[in-house]
Amino acid sequence: MSDEEVFIGSIDQGTTSTRFIIYDRLARAVGSHQVEFTQFYPQAGWVEHDPMEIVESVRICMAKALDKATADGHNVDSGLKAIGLTNQRETTVVWSKSTGLPLYNAIVWMDVRTSSICRKLEKELPGGRTHFVESCGLPISTYFSALKLLWLLDNVDGLSEAVKKGDAVFGTIDTWLIWNLTGGVENGLHVTDVSNASRTMLMNLKTLDWDKSTLDTLGIPLNILPKIISNSEIIGNIAKGWPITGIPIAGCLGDQHAAMVGQSCRKGEAKSTYGTGAFILLNTGEEMIKSNHGLLSTVAYKLGPKAPVNYALEGSIAIAGAAVQWLRDSLGIISSANEIEELASKVTSTGGVYFVPAFNGLFAPWWRDDARGICVGITRFTNKSHIARAVLESMCFQVKDVLDSMHKDAAQKSDDKTEGTEFLLRVDGGATVNNLLMQIQADLLGSPVVRPADIETTALGAAYAAGLAVGVYTQDEIFSSGEKMKKATTFKPVLEEELRKKKVDSWCLAVSRSFDLADLSL
């Protein structure tokens, strides 16, 4: 079969939008469509999605992308071999197996309503915040799915009863979509993959199975949890009623893990994805490294049922591109996200302004859910360009904080092979089209930043995983980065070291000012 006749589809279900991209045998996008969906904010710090709207967004994107590829002369109907899926992680859904309807809105990963549950567990459990780190690699935090599930069990009328009857089931967005795609109430499959499962707080990183001790401690019944599978295997076929039917779903990864595959990250290589949040992962190979500097140990990927698992150190930043959306939607400083580069370029510095986007607390390496957003250093001289530039800098400072922690953790290993990661960062995600942002990132890191020709590496990683499972791609092709690097754009630092250090010190001071602000009353 010729290159032009083979295609892999990829569902990329993100925090603010869904897209479907169709790739050919050479991993070139031949058709795509994207739609945004509704963000619900019922209370301060609460963020929800409508799971049914997410399902519908996937349906629309599939149909539109197929139409576009076909209109451009690609015979996708006969050449589509498999579908990959990647998703926003930690976002939590419970639904009825009998009706197929969600029992509550999806609670989004950045939602902080579980703060009181976290405080209670920290006081009650030995080791406090780090009680579960040994098994799952994660601290007790509002971030992870298990605590969102506890909130749902405690607060949603009828849910506990539905659990007792065996009708209620739990899943992250990958699980919810696969269940719907494979038939829903008509024998839909209830599965998740190792990367998404590793973000629930419930999976044991060594056994890659649900941890009985953790389930017992939290009082979560095993029967509502999905089966855990690898990232690259034939899961099941898409059922009737979808724009695509009979095609196998053959790859599934959480978005940041998919980006690692899309960026060809082998052991010792790091990538940063800039989306609603920013997420930096360093592949540590088959060895799980426990962080002493505020990072998470997690699964990187497991590309097949019998393939070895690769682990990663991760630093998660809650607010990156979301801060730009805030400038657009809440302040009206810009009317579209892509305007921020031009606005910020009108000044050569922030004029001493520092913006800390702790809207819902701070994730790695600070882990302060009591932090709140602040803008400091404002003078009569400050204008909206300074603030726009400070917002861009805030993303880059946070990435630097995480990378600094990664280098410290990696340096503690006597057999460390990650030393070179300090000198090159692979970047991807929608915000990386902003050249000013990328230059600021290189300047604050003091090391090169490499942007691939195709910045949608999350969708590409899911396509690679699916294609690998059905023989369209090989591991050598996926992890051969030479040709990709030739087409990449490299941003090199130009900021003087002394100024870089002063800016970093000022940033850390600004971050400290954001602490203990969560309970301020009007």
Protein backbone atom coordinates (compact mmCIF):
# COMPACT_ATOMS: atom_id res chain seq x y z
CA MET A 1 0.00 0.00 0.00
CA SER A 2 1.42 3.41 -0.96
CA ASP A 3 2.12 6.15 1.55
CA GLU A 4 -0.80 8.22 0.31
CA GLU A 5 -3.33 5.44 0.96
CA VAL A 6 -2.66 4.96 4.67
CA PHE A 7 -4.08 7.26 7.34
CA ILE A 8 -4.26 7.43 11.13
CA GLY A 9 -6.79 9.63 12.95
CA SER A 10 -6.11 11.39 16.23
CA ILE A 11 -8.62 12.74 18.75
CA ASP A 12 -7.01 15.49 20.82
CA GLN A 13 -9.44 16.39 23.60
CA GLY A 14 -8.02 19.38 25.50
CA THR A 15 -9.10 21.65 28.33
CA THR A 16 -10.70 24.33 26.19
CA SER A 17 -11.10 22.70 22.78
CA THR A 18 -11.30 19.42 20.92
CA ARG A 19 -9.64 18.66 17.61
CA PHE A 20 -9.43 15.73 15.23
CA ILE A 21 -6.40 15.44 12.94
CA ILE A 22 -5.86 12.91 10.16
CA TYR A 23 -2.23 11.96 9.41
CA ASP A 24 -0.79 10.13 6.42
CA ARG A 25 1.91 7.43 6.42
CA LEU A 26 4.62 10.10 6.68
CA ALA A 27 2.89 11.71 9.71
CA ARG A 28 1.76 14.73 7.72
CA ALA A 29 -1.61 16.26 8.66
CA VAL A 30 -4.04 16.00 5.72
CA GLY A 31 -7.22 17.16 7.45
CA SER A 32 -8.18 18.67 10.80
CA HIS A 33 -10.93 20.47 12.63
CA GLN A 34 -11.11 22.13 16.04
CA VAL A 35 -13.97 23.42 18.20
CA GLU A 36 -14.00 25.17 21.55
CA PHE A 37 -16.49 24.16 24.22
CA THR A 38 -18.03 25.77 27.30
CA GLN A 39 -16.12 26.41 30.53
CA PHE A 40 -18.31 26.50 33.63
CA TYR A 41 -17.23 28.35 36.80
CA PRO A 42 -19.99 27.68 39.40
CA GLN A 43 -17.93 29.19 42.25
CA ALA A 44 -14.52 30.74 42.73
CA GLY A 45 -11.93 28.04 42.13
CA TRP A 46 -14.45 25.61 40.60
CA VAL A 47 -14.10 24.60 36.93
CA GLU A 48 -16.44 22.19 35.15
CA HIS A 49 -17.18 20.82 31.68
CA ASP A 50 -20.32 19.24 30.27
CA PRO A 51 -19.29 15.66 29.34
CA MET A 52 -22.04 15.43 26.72
CA GLU A 53 -20.79 18.61 25.04
CA ILE A 54 -17.31 17.06 24.92
CA VAL A 55 -18.70 13.94 23.20
CA GLU A 56 -20.51 16.12 20.69
CA SER A 57 -17.36 18.16 20.04
CA VAL A 58 -15.51 14.96 19.10
CA ARG A 59 -18.33 13.97 16.75
CA ILE A 60 -18.26 17.37 15.00
CA CYS A 61 -14.46 17.42 14.68
CA MET A 62 -14.39 13.92 13.21
CA ALA A 63 -17.00 14.74 10.57
CA LYS A 64 -15.47 18.08 9.59
CA ALA A 65 -11.90 16.74 9.38
CA LEU A 66 -13.05 13.84 7.20
CA ASP A 67 -14.88 16.24 4.92
CA LYS A 68 -11.80 18.48 4.60
CA ALA A 69 -9.42 15.59 3.87
CA THR A 70 -11.80 14.11 1.32
CA ALA A 71 -12.30 17.50 -0.36
CA ASP A 72 -8.54 17.75 -0.74
CA GLY A 73 -8.48 14.45 -2.64
CA HIS A 74 -7.47 12.02 0.11
CA ASN A 75 -9.23 8.66 0.10
CA VAL A 76 -9.61 8.53 3.87
CA ASP A 77 -12.68 6.27 3.87
CA SER A 78 -10.72 3.27 2.62
CA GLY A 79 -7.30 4.23 3.96
CA LEU A 80 -8.01 4.99 7.63
CA LYS A 81 -6.38 2.23 9.68
CA ALA A 82 -6.77 3.30 13.32
CA ILE A 83 -7.66 6.09 15.72
CA GLY A 84 -5.51 7.41 18.56
CA LEU A 85 -6.83 9.38 21.50
CA THR A 86 -5.20 11.91 23.78
CA ASN A 87 -6.91 13.92 26.47
CA GLN A 88 -6.80 16.49 29.25
CA ARG A 89 -5.73 14.50 32.30
CA GLU A 90 -7.17 14.30 35.84
CA THR A 91 -10.53 15.74 34.75
CA THR A 92 -13.07 13.46 36.41
CA VAL A 93 -16.41 12.07 35.21
CA VAL A 94 -18.94 9.70 36.80
CA TRP A 95 -21.80 8.36 34.74
CA SER A 96 -24.61 5.81 34.64
CA LYS A 97 -23.95 2.61 32.71
CA SER A 98 -27.67 2.12 32.13
CA THR A 99 -28.56 5.60 30.83
CA GLY A 100 -25.20 6.68 29.46
CA LEU A 101 -25.65 10.07 31.10
CA PRO A 102 -23.16 11.81 33.38
CA LEU A 103 -24.26 12.01 37.00
CA TYR A 104 -22.57 15.39 37.38
CA ASN A 105 -20.51 17.74 35.25
CA ALA A 106 -16.86 16.80 34.68
CA ILE A 107 -14.66 18.33 37.39
CA VAL A 108 -11.64 19.81 35.58
CA TRP A 109 -8.04 19.14 36.59
CA MET A 110 -7.43 22.75 37.73
CA ASP A 111 -10.53 22.80 40.00
CA VAL A 112 -9.67 23.35 43.70
CA ARG A 113 -12.95 22.48 45.46
CA THR A 114 -11.23 19.52 47.15
CA SER A 115 -8.93 21.73 49.26
CA SER A 116 -10.74 20.83 52.49
CA ILE A 117 -10.52 17.11 51.66
CA CYS A 118 -6.77 17.53 51.10
CA ARG A 119 -6.28 19.30 54.45
CA LYS A 120 -8.29 16.60 56.26
CA LEU A 121 -6.25 13.76 54.73
CA GLU A 122 -2.96 15.54 55.41
CA LYS A 123 -3.85 15.75 59.10
CA GLU A 124 -5.14 12.18 59.39
CA LEU A 125 -2.60 10.18 57.38
CA PRO A 126 1.00 9.30 58.36
CA GLY A 127 3.38 11.35 56.26
CA GLY A 128 0.72 13.98 55.63
CA ARG A 129 0.83 15.38 52.13
CA THR A 130 3.32 12.74 50.95
CA HIS A 131 1.39 9.71 52.28
CA PHE A 132 0.73 8.20 48.83
CA VAL A 133 3.96 9.27 47.11
CA GLU A 134 5.63 5.89 47.59
CA SER A 135 2.89 4.06 45.68
CA CYS A 136 1.69 6.58 43.09
CA GLY A 137 4.43 9.25 42.93
CA LEU A 138 1.95 12.04 43.68
CA PRO A 139 1.34 14.28 46.70
CA ILE A 140 -2.11 14.86 48.13
CA SER A 141 -3.39 17.72 45.97
CA THR A 142 -6.56 19.13 44.47
CA TYR A 143 -4.98 18.34 41.09
CA PHE A 144 -5.59 14.59 41.02
CA SER A 145 -8.68 12.59 40.13
CA ALA A 146 -9.09 10.49 43.28
CA LEU A 147 -9.94 13.47 45.45
CA LYS A 148 -12.36 14.82 42.86
CA LEU A 149 -14.05 11.40 42.94
CA LEU A 150 -14.28 11.59 46.75
CA TRP A 151 -15.98 14.98 46.45
CA LEU A 152 -18.48 13.57 43.95
CA LEU A 153 -19.26 10.58 46.17
CA ASP A 154 -19.85 12.90 49.12
CA ASN A 155 -21.83 15.62 47.36
CA VAL A 156 -23.83 14.27 44.42
CA ASP A 157 -27.30 13.07 45.34
CA GLY A 158 -27.89 9.46 44.44
CA LEU A 159 -24.30 8.73 43.42
CA SER A 160 -23.40 6.50 46.36
CA GLU A 161 -26.62 4.55 45.80
CA ALA A 162 -25.81 4.17 42.09
CA VAL A 163 -22.36 2.86 43.06
CA LYS A 164 -23.93 0.25 45.38
CA LYS A 165 -26.25 -0.87 42.59
CA GLY A 166 -23.29 -1.24 40.21
CA ASP A 167 -24.63 1.38 37.82
CA ALA A 168 -22.19 4.27 38.42
CA VAL A 169 -18.72 4.20 36.91
CA PHE A 170 -15.72 6.52 37.08
CA GLY A 171 -13.31 7.66 34.44
CA THR A 172 -11.09 10.42 33.18
CA ILE A 173 -11.94 11.93 29.78
CA ASP A 174 -10.16 9.15 27.85
CA THR A 175 -12.34 6.56 29.60
CA TRP A 176 -15.53 8.54 29.02
CA LEU A 177 -14.79 8.97 25.31
CA ILE A 178 -13.71 5.37 24.69
CA TRP A 179 -16.87 4.12 26.41
CA ASN A 180 -19.00 6.31 24.15
CA LEU A 181 -16.99 5.59 21.00
CA THR A 182 -17.22 1.81 21.49
CA GLY A 183 -20.98 1.67 22.03
CA GLY A 184 -21.85 3.40 25.28
CA VAL A 185 -24.85 1.70 26.87
CA GLU A 186 -24.51 -0.98 24.17
CA ASN A 187 -21.45 -2.72 25.66
CA GLY A 188 -19.11 0.27 25.63
CA LEU A 189 -15.61 -0.55 26.89
CA HIS A 190 -14.62 0.77 30.34
CA VAL A 191 -10.84 1.22 30.10
CA THR A 192 -8.06 3.70 30.76
CA ASP A 193 -4.37 3.68 29.92
CA VAL A 194 -1.33 3.64 32.21
CA SER A 195 -0.52 7.31 31.68
CA ASN A 196 -3.98 8.58 32.62
CA ALA A 197 -4.26 6.04 35.45
CA SER A 198 -0.95 7.29 36.85
CA ARG A 199 -2.58 10.70 37.38
CA THR A 200 -5.46 9.51 39.51
CA MET A 201 -3.42 8.87 42.73
CA LEU A 202 -4.89 5.36 42.65
CA MET A 203 -2.44 3.42 40.44
CA ASN A 204 0.70 1.81 41.81
CA LEU A 205 3.58 2.99 39.61
CA LYS A 206 5.46 -0.30 40.00
CA THR A 207 2.64 -2.78 39.41
CA LEU A 208 0.72 -0.56 36.95
CA ASP A 209 -2.49 -1.67 38.62
CA TRP A 210 -4.96 -0.08 41.02
CA ASP A 211 -3.41 0.06 44.49
CA LYS A 212 -5.60 -1.83 46.98
CA SER A 213 -4.15 -0.08 50.02
CA THR A 214 -4.91 3.35 48.55
CA LEU A 215 -8.43 2.34 47.58
CA ASP A 216 -9.05 1.02 51.11
CA THR A 217 -7.64 4.19 52.71
CA LEU A 218 -9.82 6.48 50.59
CA GLY A 219 -12.88 4.23 50.58
CA ILE A 220 -13.08 4.01 46.79
CA PRO A 221 -14.67 0.78 45.46
CA LEU A 222 -12.65 -1.10 42.85
CA ASN A 223 -15.70 -1.98 40.75
CA ILE A 224 -16.25 1.60 39.55
CA LEU A 225 -12.71 1.86 38.14
CA PRO A 226 -11.79 1.08 34.52
CA LYS A 227 -9.40 -1.61 33.35
CA ILE A 228 -5.83 -0.34 32.85
CA ILE A 229 -4.18 -1.00 29.47
CA SER A 230 -1.00 0.08 27.66
CA ASN A 231 -0.69 3.17 25.46
CA SER A 232 -0.44 1.27 22.17
CA GLU A 233 -2.75 -1.67 21.55
CA ILE A 234 -6.04 -2.37 19.79
CA ILE A 235 -8.67 -1.42 22.36
CA GLY A 236 -11.90 -1.84 20.41
CA ASN A 237 -13.71 -0.66 17.27
CA ILE A 238 -15.70 2.54 16.89
CA ALA A 239 -19.41 1.73 17.05
CA LYS A 240 -22.24 2.72 14.72
CA GLY A 241 -23.54 6.26 14.98
CA TRP A 242 -20.15 7.97 14.64
CA PRO A 243 -18.77 9.63 11.48
CA ILE A 244 -16.18 6.84 11.46
CA THR A 245 -17.30 3.27 12.22
CA GLY A 246 -15.56 -0.09 12.49
CA ILE A 247 -12.09 1.47 12.81
CA PRO A 248 -10.02 0.33 15.81
CA ILE A 249 -9.06 2.69 18.60
CA ALA A 250 -5.46 1.60 18.99
CA GLY A 251 -3.68 4.29 21.01
CA CYS A 252 -4.48 6.23 24.15
CA LEU A 253 -2.29 8.59 26.19
CA GLY A 254 -2.76 11.57 28.47
CA ASP A 255 -1.91 14.74 26.59
CA GLN A 256 1.52 15.34 28.13
CA HIS A 257 2.61 11.75 27.58
CA ALA A 258 1.40 11.92 23.99
CA ALA A 259 3.49 15.04 23.49
CA MET A 260 6.56 13.14 24.72
CA VAL A 261 5.99 10.50 22.04
CA GLY A 262 5.27 13.18 19.43
CA GLN A 263 8.52 14.92 20.40
CA SER A 264 10.46 11.62 20.23
CA CYS A 265 11.64 12.02 23.83
CA ARG A 266 13.95 9.17 24.78
CA LYS A 267 15.58 8.73 28.18
CA GLY A 268 17.25 11.95 29.33
CA GLU A 269 15.22 14.23 27.03
CA ALA A 270 12.70 16.85 28.19
CA LYS A 271 9.79 18.63 26.57
CA SER A 272 7.49 21.48 27.58
CA THR A 273 3.94 21.77 26.27
CA TYR A 274 2.32 25.21 26.42
CA GLY A 275 -1.45 25.07 26.45
CA THR A 276 -4.02 26.11 29.04
CA GLY A 277 -1.34 25.11 31.52
CA ALA A 278 2.28 24.23 30.87
CA PHE A 279 3.71 20.78 31.46
CA ILE A 280 7.35 19.81 31.51
CA LEU A 281 8.34 16.14 31.44
CA LEU A 282 11.78 14.55 31.58
CA ASN A 283 12.01 10.92 30.43
CA THR A 284 13.93 8.97 33.10
CA GLY A 285 13.79 5.66 31.20
CA GLU A 286 12.79 2.43 32.92
CA GLU A 287 13.83 3.83 36.28
CA MET A 288 11.37 5.73 38.43
CA ILE A 289 13.09 8.70 40.12
CA LYS A 290 11.58 10.06 43.31
CA SER A 291 11.71 13.84 43.38
CA ASN A 292 13.06 15.79 46.34
CA HIS A 293 12.35 19.14 44.69
CA GLY A 294 8.58 19.36 44.26
CA LEU A 295 8.15 17.32 41.08
CA LEU A 296 5.95 14.33 40.33
CA SER A 297 7.02 10.82 39.43
CA THR A 298 4.78 9.49 36.70
CA VAL A 299 4.54 7.11 33.76
CA ALA A 300 5.95 8.51 30.52
CA TYR A 301 4.57 5.81 28.21
CA LYS A 302 4.26 2.06 27.67
CA LEU A 303 4.04 1.45 23.94
CA GLY A 304 2.46 -2.01 23.92
CA PRO A 305 1.16 -4.63 26.37
CA LYS A 306 4.56 -6.32 26.53
CA ALA A 307 6.68 -3.18 26.05
CA PRO A 308 8.78 -1.80 28.92
CA VAL A 309 7.37 1.17 30.78
CA ASN A 310 9.24 4.48 30.62
CA TYR A 311 8.88 6.79 33.61
CA ALA A 312 9.16 10.57 33.83
CA LEU A 313 9.65 13.44 36.21
CA GLU A 314 6.95 16.03 35.66
CA GLY A 315 6.38 19.60 36.65
CA SER A 316 2.84 20.86 36.07
CA ILE A 317 1.96 24.55 35.77
CA ALA A 318 -1.73 25.29 36.21
CA ILE A 319 -1.94 28.60 34.35
CA ALA A 320 -0.02 29.36 31.15
CA GLY A 321 -2.13 30.08 28.07
CA ALA A 322 -5.11 30.48 30.41
CA ALA A 323 -3.55 33.76 31.59
CA VAL A 324 -3.69 35.05 28.00
CA GLN A 325 -7.34 34.00 27.82
CA TRP A 326 -7.90 35.95 31.05
CA LEU A 327 -6.39 39.08 29.48
CA ARG A 328 -8.76 38.58 26.54
CA ASP A 329 -11.99 37.48 28.21
CA SER A 330 -11.89 39.11 31.66
CA LEU A 331 -9.86 42.28 31.16
CA GLY A 332 -10.42 42.96 27.46
CA ILE A 333 -6.79 44.06 27.03
CA ILE A 334 -6.66 41.99 23.84
CA SER A 335 -9.49 40.79 21.60
CA SER A 336 -7.77 37.59 20.44
CA ALA A 337 -4.97 35.50 21.93
CA ASN A 338 -2.60 36.04 19.02
CA GLU A 339 -2.60 39.81 19.66
CA ILE A 340 -0.53 39.44 22.80
CA GLU A 341 2.77 39.06 20.94
CA GLU A 342 2.37 42.38 19.11
CA LEU A 343 1.18 44.17 22.27
CA ALA A 344 4.03 42.82 24.40
CA SER A 345 6.58 43.64 21.68
CA LYS A 346 5.82 47.36 22.00
CA VAL A 347 8.03 47.45 25.11
CA THR A 348 11.49 45.98 25.65
CA SER A 349 10.84 44.97 29.25
CA THR A 350 8.01 44.69 31.77
CA GLY A 351 9.13 47.91 33.45
CA GLY A 352 9.61 46.02 36.72
CA VAL A 353 6.15 44.40 36.64
CA TYR A 354 5.82 40.74 37.69
CA PHE A 355 2.64 38.75 37.20
CA VAL A 356 2.06 35.53 39.17
CA PRO A 357 -0.92 33.66 37.65
CA ALA A 358 -1.89 31.71 40.77
CA PHE A 359 -5.59 31.86 39.91
CA ASN A 360 -6.25 28.47 41.54
CA GLY A 361 -3.03 28.10 43.53
CA LEU A 362 0.40 27.06 42.31
CA PHE A 363 1.48 23.59 41.19
CA ALA A 364 5.10 22.42 40.82
CA PRO A 365 7.50 23.08 42.38
CA TRP A 366 5.67 25.27 44.93
CA TRP A 367 2.49 23.24 45.59
CA ARG A 368 0.60 26.08 47.29
CA ASP A 369 -3.15 25.91 46.86
CA ASP A 370 -3.40 28.94 49.16
CA ALA A 371 -1.67 31.14 46.56
CA ARG A 372 -3.67 33.58 44.44
CA GLY A 373 -2.83 35.65 41.39
CA ILE A 374 -0.98 38.92 41.87
CA CYS A 375 0.53 41.66 39.71
CA VAL A 376 3.33 43.56 41.48
CA GLY A 377 5.74 46.35 40.62
CA ILE A 378 3.07 48.55 39.06
CA THR A 379 3.90 52.27 38.76
CA ARG A 380 2.26 55.21 37.03
CA PHE A 381 4.55 54.35 34.10
CA THR A 382 2.97 50.88 33.67
CA ASN A 383 0.77 50.32 30.63
CA LYS A 384 -1.02 47.36 29.11
CA SER A 385 2.04 46.37 27.06
CA HIS A 386 4.06 45.93 30.25
CA ILE A 387 1.32 43.76 31.72
CA ALA A 388 1.05 41.69 28.52
CA ARG A 389 4.80 41.11 28.55
CA ALA A 390 4.69 40.21 32.26
CA VAL A 391 2.04 37.58 31.47
CA LEU A 392 4.32 36.02 28.84
CA GLU A 393 7.27 36.14 31.24
CA SER A 394 5.19 34.42 33.93
CA MET A 395 4.86 31.32 31.74
CA CYS A 396 8.60 31.22 31.15
CA PHE A 397 9.58 31.80 34.77
CA GLN A 398 7.36 28.91 35.82
CA VAL A 399 8.91 26.59 33.24
CA LYS A 400 12.38 27.58 34.47
CA ASP A 401 11.36 26.82 38.08
CA VAL A 402 10.37 23.31 37.04
CA LEU A 403 13.47 22.68 34.92
CA ASP A 404 15.75 23.85 37.74
CA SER A 405 14.07 21.30 40.01
CA MET A 406 14.48 18.58 37.37
CA HIS A 407 18.20 19.23 37.09
CA LYS A 408 18.55 18.99 40.87
CA ASP A 409 16.69 15.67 41.00
CA ALA A 410 18.57 14.25 38.02
CA ALA A 411 21.93 15.35 39.44
CA GLN A 412 21.29 13.27 42.56
CA LYS A 413 21.49 10.06 40.52
CA SER A 414 24.99 8.63 40.44
CA ASP A 415 24.29 7.07 37.03
CA ASP A 416 22.73 10.28 35.75
CA LYS A 417 22.47 10.47 31.98
CA THR A 418 20.22 13.49 31.90
CA GLU A 419 22.92 16.11 32.16
CA GLY A 420 22.45 17.28 28.59
CA THR A 421 18.82 18.19 29.11
CA GLU A 422 19.86 21.50 30.65
CA PHE A 423 21.10 22.70 27.29
CA LEU A 424 18.06 22.02 25.11
CA LEU A 425 14.32 22.15 25.70
CA ARG A 426 11.84 20.80 23.14
CA VAL A 427 8.63 22.81 23.09
CA ASP A 428 5.18 22.33 21.60
CA GLY A 429 1.57 23.42 21.99
CA GLY A 430 -0.47 26.29 20.60
CA ALA A 431 1.30 29.08 22.49
CA THR A 432 4.67 28.23 20.92
CA VAL A 433 3.70 30.04 17.70
CA ASN A 434 4.49 33.18 19.72
CA ASN A 435 8.11 33.91 18.80
CA LEU A 436 8.49 36.48 21.57
CA LEU A 437 7.39 33.92 24.16
CA MET A 438 9.92 31.42 22.87
CA GLN A 439 12.73 33.99 22.90
CA ILE A 440 11.86 35.02 26.46
CA GLN A 441 11.93 31.33 27.42
CA ALA A 442 15.41 30.85 25.96
CA ASP A 443 16.63 34.05 27.64
CA LEU A 444 15.36 33.06 31.08
CA LEU A 445 16.70 29.50 30.77
CA GLY A 446 20.04 30.59 29.37
CA SER A 447 19.83 27.63 26.97
CA PRO A 448 18.31 26.89 23.54
CA VAL A 449 14.62 26.24 22.98
CA VAL A 450 13.72 24.04 20.00
CA ARG A 451 10.29 24.29 18.35
CA PRO A 452 9.34 21.55 15.86
CA ALA A 453 7.84 22.31 12.46
CA ASP A 454 4.58 20.67 13.63
CA ILE A 455 3.72 22.08 17.06
CA GLU A 456 0.69 19.81 17.50
CA THR A 457 2.85 17.02 18.89
CA THR A 458 0.16 15.91 21.35
CA ALA A 459 -2.15 14.77 18.55
CA LEU A 460 0.83 13.38 16.65
CA GLY A 461 1.92 11.29 19.65
CA ALA A 462 -1.53 9.69 19.89
CA ALA A 463 -1.43 8.97 16.15
CA TYR A 464 2.03 7.41 16.50
CA ALA A 465 0.81 5.14 19.33
CA ALA A 466 -2.21 4.00 17.30
CA GLY A 467 -0.17 3.56 14.13
CA LEU A 468 2.43 1.53 16.02
CA ALA A 469 -0.26 -0.88 17.25
CA VAL A 470 -1.53 -1.57 13.70
CA GLY A 471 1.85 -1.62 11.95
CA VAL A 472 1.68 1.74 10.19
CA TYR A 473 4.63 3.22 12.12
CA THR A 474 7.67 1.59 13.72
CA GLN A 475 9.40 2.60 16.94
CA ASP A 476 12.50 3.55 14.94
CA GLU A 477 10.43 5.96 12.85
CA ILE A 478 8.74 7.45 15.91
CA PHE A 479 11.94 8.03 17.86
CA SER A 480 14.16 9.07 14.96
CA SER A 481 14.34 12.79 15.65
CA GLY A 482 17.10 13.72 13.20
CA GLU A 483 14.86 14.80 10.33
CA LYS A 484 12.42 16.50 12.70
CA MET A 485 15.23 18.53 14.28
CA LYS A 486 16.38 19.73 10.85
CA LYS A 487 12.97 21.30 10.28
CA ALA A 488 12.79 22.78 13.78
CA THR A 489 13.32 26.41 14.82
CA THR A 490 15.89 27.07 17.53
CA PHE A 491 15.74 30.11 19.82
CA LYS A 492 19.07 30.97 21.46
CA PRO A 493 19.48 33.09 24.60
CA VAL A 494 20.74 36.67 24.26
CA LEU A 495 20.04 37.98 27.79
CA GLU A 496 23.10 38.72 29.93
CA GLU A 497 23.62 36.35 32.84
CA GLU A 498 23.62 39.08 35.48
CA LEU A 499 20.27 40.47 34.32
CA ARG A 500 18.83 36.98 34.06
CA LYS A 501 19.75 36.28 37.67
CA LYS A 502 18.23 39.56 38.88
CA LYS A 503 14.98 38.86 37.06
CA VAL A 504 14.78 35.34 38.50
CA ASP A 505 15.38 36.64 42.04
CA SER A 506 12.62 39.23 41.58
CA TRP A 507 10.27 36.56 40.24
CA CYS A 508 10.85 34.34 43.28
CA LEU A 509 10.11 37.30 45.54
CA ALA A 510 6.88 37.98 43.65
CA VAL A 511 5.85 34.33 43.96
CA SER A 512 6.33 34.45 47.72
CA ARG A 513 3.97 37.44 47.86
CA SER A 514 1.20 35.30 46.34
CA PHE A 515 1.12 32.87 49.29
CA ASP A 516 -1.60 32.81 51.98
CA LEU A 517 -4.06 34.89 49.96
CA ALA A 518 -6.79 32.28 49.39
CA ASP A 519 -8.83 33.26 52.44
CA LEU A 520 -8.81 37.00 51.95
CA SER A 521 -12.34 38.34 52.37
CA LEU A 522 -13.76 41.33 50.54
